[in-house]
Each structure stands twice: as C-alpha cells, then as structure tokens.
Amino acid sequence: MKKVFISQSNYIPWRGYFHAISSVDEFIVYDEVQYTRRDWRNRNRITTPAGEHWLSIPVEVKNRFHQKISEARISDKSWARNHWKTLQTNYAKTPWFKTYAPLFEALYLEKEYTHLRDVNYDFIELICFILEIKTKITFSADLPLSPGNRSERLLSLCKKAGATDYYSGPAAKNYLDEELFLGQGVNIHYFDYSAYKPYPRKQGAFSTELSVLDLIFNTGPAAARYLKPGPAELVSPPVPELILS
C-alpha cells in the first residue's frame, strides 16, 4: 500500500496543505501545469494588527499566459526583503518567532531566486522539517506525464509513483474520473478541511486560512498537533457498482 498526494506548489501554504503532506507516503509537486494568477501559487495571508494581509511574490505574466508553474519567473527581487520585514514587524512578539526566525531569514535574505517554483519548494521543505514531516517530496517533472485529460494525467503520476491510494483536496470531486482510478486499482480519498481547531494566537481573530507561519510562530513545537481538522478528516468515495461487478 502506498499513499500519494499530488498538488501544485504554493507559497508558504496554510496548515491544511501540510496536513495533507503528513498523511501520505509521497507528495508529488505538480508544477508542470499552467500557472494561474491571483491564486495560492505566489501568495498567502498573514495577520497584522489591522487585519489580514497578503504577501505576494511578483511574477512575470505579460505575454506568458500559458506558462507552467515551473516556468514562472520572479519579476522583482525586492519581494524577499519586503516579506521578511513584514513578518518581523508583525510576528516579532509572538512566543516562537525568535526560535524560528534564523531559519526563515536565511531563505529570505541569503538566497537569490529566479523562479517561483524554487521559492515554494524551499519553504515547503523547511516547514516540513519544522513540523517533523518526513514524507518523500518529488516533482512531477521527474515523473514524465502521459498525454490525456486532467484525470488521466493524475492517474499517470499515481501509477509511476506506485500509488495504491490517491489523496486529494475536496475540490477534485468536481473533475476526477473516479471510475478511471478505481479501474486501475488506485483508490481515491478526499481530505475534509473543515473543523480546524483554533490555536493560541498573539493578535487578531482566528482564521483557518492563514499561512502556516502564523501557526508556527504562535505555537512552536506544538504546531504539528494543530494540523488535523478532526477525527474524520478523510472521506473515501463510494465504489461504483461497475467496479464491483
């Protein structure tokens, strides 16, 4: 049995993203698909005394409408210093900021990035280290995609990774061909991202959709305990009668 989660890379993602990674044996970063603007690929939210605030990485988009996430280039190098300054300003007084600040500061100030994908990967890898998530992480580019529609390409990645169980977010219910997966011996499971538990915070109203950095800076080593939304976080779809006959 091998459990696989497949998703596009996001910038400093929310805790549900890391709950998903921690629940499987392998996480495939699916960046060989089209980059989407005003999405989670290049931005996320933190909290400030004035309310929620977006941290966005500027990406070259002019005349690049069909670029893949893996091809997306950063358009302004000043984003890193600006983001770090904003995090310092708003989280310096949280209980665990000083503990983790050197790790994040190294990525923001000591590395020079040209592509969004590399930023996202480095932050995801660091956050997994902090949360003690040991799931294997690979890129879809390392598992060449077979031609086909969305479901066929995802199934292709599952088969190349040797998956018996594919885990996905709830939005995938709208497009996944479940019979196709089950017919190839791959079971589908959907995460339920509802009912996340509040955690102690220094400022602002609780929100489930903030970057996981908010959780880490406020709760430190206890952060991993707040990753799961509840006892029934995974829901498997019913097996169609066609597969059973």
Protein backbone atom coordinates (compact mmCIF):
# COMPACT_ATOMS: atom_id res chain seq x y z
CA MET A 1 0.00 0.00 0.00
CA LYS A 2 1.34 3.43 -0.96
CA LYS A 3 -0.45 6.73 -0.36
CA VAL A 4 0.24 9.68 -2.68
CA PHE A 5 -0.86 13.32 -2.54
CA ILE A 6 -0.49 15.49 -5.68
CA SER A 7 -0.79 19.28 -5.65
CA GLN A 8 0.66 22.43 -7.19
CA SER A 9 3.29 24.21 -5.14
CA ASN A 10 2.04 27.14 -3.04
CA TYR A 11 3.89 29.95 -1.31
CA ILE A 12 4.09 29.48 2.50
CA PRO A 13 0.85 27.40 2.40
CA TRP A 14 -1.83 27.06 5.06
CA ARG A 15 -1.82 24.20 7.56
CA GLY A 16 -4.24 22.02 5.57
CA TYR A 17 -1.57 21.71 2.88
CA PHE A 18 0.88 20.25 5.41
CA HIS A 19 -1.77 18.05 6.99
CA ALA A 20 -2.20 16.53 3.53
CA ILE A 21 1.55 16.03 3.06
CA SER A 22 1.89 14.45 6.51
CA SER A 23 -0.90 11.96 5.75
CA VAL A 24 0.80 10.22 2.80
CA ASP A 25 3.96 8.37 1.82
CA GLU A 26 4.86 10.63 -1.12
CA PHE A 27 3.93 14.18 -2.10
CA ILE A 28 4.24 14.98 -5.81
CA VAL A 29 4.64 18.69 -6.55
CA TYR A 30 2.57 19.12 -9.70
CA ASP A 31 4.17 22.20 -11.28
CA GLU A 32 4.04 21.05 -14.90
CA VAL A 33 0.60 22.63 -15.25
CA GLN A 34 -0.47 26.16 -16.17
CA TYR A 35 0.35 28.97 -13.76
CA THR A 36 -2.81 30.67 -12.52
CA ARG A 37 -2.89 34.33 -11.49
CA ARG A 38 -4.43 35.57 -8.23
CA ASP A 39 -4.04 32.11 -6.76
CA TRP A 40 -2.06 30.48 -3.94
CA ARG A 41 0.96 29.74 -6.13
CA ASN A 42 2.66 33.07 -5.40
CA ARG A 43 0.85 34.49 -2.38
CA ASN A 44 -0.59 33.82 1.04
CA ARG A 45 -2.05 35.63 4.01
CA ILE A 46 -0.72 36.56 7.42
CA THR A 47 -2.30 38.59 10.19
CA THR A 48 -1.49 42.12 11.33
CA PRO A 49 -2.99 44.45 13.98
CA ALA A 50 -5.03 45.97 11.15
CA GLY A 51 -6.33 42.60 9.92
CA GLU A 52 -5.25 40.03 7.34
CA HIS A 53 -2.50 40.97 4.89
CA TRP A 54 -1.37 39.40 1.60
CA LEU A 55 2.27 38.54 0.98
CA SER A 56 2.65 38.24 -2.80
CA ILE A 57 5.68 37.33 -4.91
CA PRO A 58 5.73 39.35 -8.17
CA VAL A 59 5.75 37.05 -11.20
CA GLU A 60 6.32 37.82 -14.89
CA VAL A 61 2.98 37.34 -16.64
CA LYS A 62 2.99 39.70 -19.65
CA ASN A 63 2.73 37.63 -22.84
CA ARG A 64 3.22 34.50 -20.75
CA PHE A 65 -0.41 33.46 -20.44
CA HIS A 66 0.19 29.74 -20.88
CA GLN A 67 3.37 29.34 -18.88
CA LYS A 68 3.69 26.43 -16.49
CA ILE A 69 4.19 26.98 -12.77
CA SER A 70 7.69 25.57 -13.18
CA GLU A 71 8.42 28.27 -15.79
CA ALA A 72 7.11 31.24 -13.79
CA ARG A 73 9.90 33.77 -13.22
CA ILE A 74 10.10 36.32 -10.40
CA SER A 75 9.88 39.90 -11.72
CA ASP A 76 11.23 41.89 -8.75
CA LYS A 77 13.96 40.69 -6.39
CA SER A 78 12.94 43.10 -3.64
CA TRP A 79 9.99 40.87 -2.65
CA ALA A 80 12.12 38.73 -0.29
CA ARG A 81 13.43 41.57 1.87
CA ASN A 82 9.97 43.19 1.94
CA HIS A 83 8.27 39.96 3.02
CA TRP A 84 10.81 39.32 5.74
CA LYS A 85 10.46 42.85 7.08
CA THR A 86 6.67 42.45 7.18
CA LEU A 87 6.96 39.14 9.05
CA GLN A 88 9.38 40.66 11.54
CA THR A 89 7.10 43.65 12.14
CA ASN A 90 4.01 41.55 12.75
CA TYR A 91 5.36 38.41 14.45
CA ALA A 92 8.38 39.58 16.45
CA LYS A 93 6.37 39.45 19.69
CA THR A 94 4.89 36.01 19.14
CA PRO A 95 6.21 33.30 21.51
CA TRP A 96 8.26 31.36 18.97
CA PHE A 97 9.37 33.90 16.38
CA LYS A 98 12.91 34.23 17.72
CA THR A 99 13.33 30.45 17.68
CA TYR A 100 12.48 30.01 14.00
CA ALA A 101 13.48 33.43 12.63
CA PRO A 102 17.06 32.40 11.66
CA LEU A 103 15.76 29.54 9.51
CA PHE A 104 13.35 31.71 7.55
CA GLU A 105 15.68 34.69 7.41
CA ALA A 106 18.24 32.52 5.62
CA LEU A 107 15.79 31.78 2.82
CA TYR A 108 14.54 35.34 2.53
CA LEU A 109 17.86 37.16 2.71
CA GLU A 110 20.65 34.74 1.82
CA LYS A 111 19.23 33.08 -1.30
CA GLU A 112 18.57 34.67 -4.68
CA TYR A 113 15.66 33.15 -6.53
CA THR A 114 14.78 33.49 -10.19
CA HIS A 115 11.82 31.08 -10.34
CA LEU A 116 8.72 30.83 -8.17
CA ARG A 117 8.88 27.05 -8.06
CA ASP A 118 12.23 27.12 -6.25
CA VAL A 119 10.95 29.55 -3.63
CA ASN A 120 7.90 27.42 -2.94
CA TYR A 121 9.88 24.19 -2.74
CA ASP A 122 12.47 25.57 -0.32
CA PHE A 123 9.82 26.96 2.02
CA ILE A 124 7.73 23.78 1.87
CA GLU A 125 10.82 21.70 2.62
CA LEU A 126 11.81 23.92 5.57
CA ILE A 127 8.29 23.93 7.02
CA CYS A 128 8.10 20.14 6.73
CA PHE A 129 11.37 19.97 8.68
CA ILE A 130 9.97 22.23 11.42
CA LEU A 131 6.74 20.20 11.61
CA GLU A 132 8.74 16.93 11.58
CA ILE A 133 7.03 15.73 8.41
CA LYS A 134 9.20 13.10 6.77
CA THR A 135 7.10 12.44 3.65
CA LYS A 136 9.07 11.99 0.43
CA ILE A 137 8.71 15.00 -1.89
CA THR A 138 9.21 14.74 -5.66
CA PHE A 139 8.45 16.91 -8.70
CA SER A 140 6.05 15.87 -11.42
CA ALA A 141 8.81 16.76 -13.89
CA ASP A 142 10.73 13.76 -12.55
CA LEU A 143 7.79 11.51 -13.45
CA PRO A 144 7.10 12.38 -17.12
CA LEU A 145 3.40 12.95 -17.74
CA SER A 146 1.42 10.80 -20.13
CA PRO A 147 -0.89 12.63 -22.55
CA GLY A 148 -4.59 12.87 -21.71
CA ASN A 149 -7.11 14.85 -19.73
CA ARG A 150 -6.69 16.00 -16.14
CA SER A 151 -7.74 12.71 -14.56
CA GLU A 152 -5.61 10.67 -16.94
CA ARG A 153 -2.50 12.75 -16.19
CA LEU A 154 -3.02 12.48 -12.43
CA LEU A 155 -3.57 8.73 -12.72
CA SER A 156 -0.37 8.53 -14.77
CA LEU A 157 1.57 10.18 -11.92
CA CYS A 158 0.00 7.82 -9.39
CA LYS A 159 0.96 4.77 -11.44
CA LYS A 160 4.53 5.99 -11.98
CA ALA A 161 4.86 6.58 -8.24
CA GLY A 162 3.48 3.10 -7.47
CA ALA A 163 0.45 4.52 -5.64
CA THR A 164 -2.40 2.33 -4.45
CA ASP A 165 -4.22 5.26 -2.83
CA TYR A 166 -4.54 8.80 -4.17
CA TYR A 167 -5.36 11.63 -1.76
CA SER A 168 -6.77 14.93 -2.97
CA GLY A 169 -8.49 18.10 -1.81
CA PRO A 170 -12.31 18.25 -1.85
CA ALA A 171 -12.43 20.46 -4.98
CA ALA A 172 -11.23 17.48 -7.04
CA LYS A 173 -14.65 15.87 -6.64
CA ASN A 174 -15.82 18.19 -9.41
CA TYR A 175 -13.48 16.82 -12.06
CA LEU A 176 -11.89 13.48 -11.06
CA ASP A 177 -12.97 10.41 -13.00
CA GLU A 178 -13.24 8.08 -10.02
CA GLU A 179 -14.11 5.03 -12.12
CA LEU A 180 -10.92 5.53 -14.15
CA PHE A 181 -8.77 5.43 -10.98
CA LEU A 182 -10.61 2.51 -9.41
CA GLY A 183 -10.46 0.58 -12.66
CA GLN A 184 -6.66 0.85 -12.49
CA GLY A 185 -6.52 -0.26 -8.86
CA VAL A 186 -5.99 3.21 -7.35
CA ASN A 187 -8.37 4.18 -4.52
CA ILE A 188 -9.36 7.85 -4.12
CA HIS A 189 -9.61 9.69 -0.80
CA TYR A 190 -10.68 13.32 -0.30
CA PHE A 191 -9.47 15.49 2.54
CA ASP A 192 -12.10 17.30 4.57
CA TYR A 193 -10.61 20.66 5.53
CA SER A 194 -13.46 21.72 7.79
CA ALA A 195 -13.46 21.99 11.60
CA TYR A 196 -9.87 23.02 12.19
CA LYS A 197 -9.16 23.67 15.84
CA PRO A 198 -8.26 27.23 16.91
CA TYR A 199 -4.78 27.68 18.35
CA PRO A 200 -3.39 30.26 20.81
CA ARG A 201 -2.55 33.46 18.97
CA LYS A 202 -0.89 36.73 19.96
CA GLN A 203 -3.14 39.01 17.91
CA GLY A 204 -6.14 39.14 15.59
CA ALA A 205 -9.14 36.91 15.06
CA PHE A 206 -8.63 33.22 14.36
CA SER A 207 -8.74 32.18 10.71
CA THR A 208 -8.18 28.71 9.27
CA GLU A 209 -6.74 30.04 6.00
CA LEU A 210 -3.69 31.95 7.19
CA SER A 211 -0.22 30.81 6.18
CA VAL A 212 1.14 28.05 8.38
CA LEU A 213 3.79 30.56 9.51
CA ASP A 214 1.14 32.08 11.76
CA LEU A 215 0.67 28.70 13.44
CA ILE A 216 4.41 28.06 13.77
CA PHE A 217 5.29 31.46 15.23
CA ASN A 218 2.42 31.25 17.73
CA THR A 219 2.65 27.62 18.87
CA GLY A 220 6.19 26.44 18.10
CA PRO A 221 6.80 22.70 18.67
CA ALA A 222 3.08 22.22 19.33
CA ALA A 223 2.21 23.27 15.76
CA ALA A 224 2.00 19.69 14.46
CA ARG A 225 -0.81 18.97 16.92
CA TYR A 226 -2.99 21.56 15.19
CA LEU A 227 -2.56 20.22 11.65
CA LYS A 228 -5.51 17.84 11.64
CA PRO A 229 -9.05 19.26 11.48
CA GLY A 230 -10.77 16.43 13.31
CA PRO A 231 -11.15 12.67 13.74
CA ALA A 232 -12.88 12.17 10.38
CA GLU A 233 -10.53 14.17 8.19
CA LEU A 234 -10.54 11.68 5.29
CA VAL A 235 -13.57 10.60 3.31
CA SER A 236 -13.43 7.89 0.66
CA PRO A 237 -15.93 7.98 -2.21
CA PRO A 238 -18.33 5.05 -2.65
CA VAL A 239 -17.12 2.35 -5.03
CA PRO A 240 -19.27 2.39 -8.20
CA GLU A 241 -21.26 -0.75 -8.89
CA LEU A 242 -19.48 -1.05 -12.23
CA ILE A 243 -16.21 -1.78 -10.44
CA LEU A 244 -17.77 -4.33 -8.13
CA SER A 245 -19.49 -6.38 -10.84
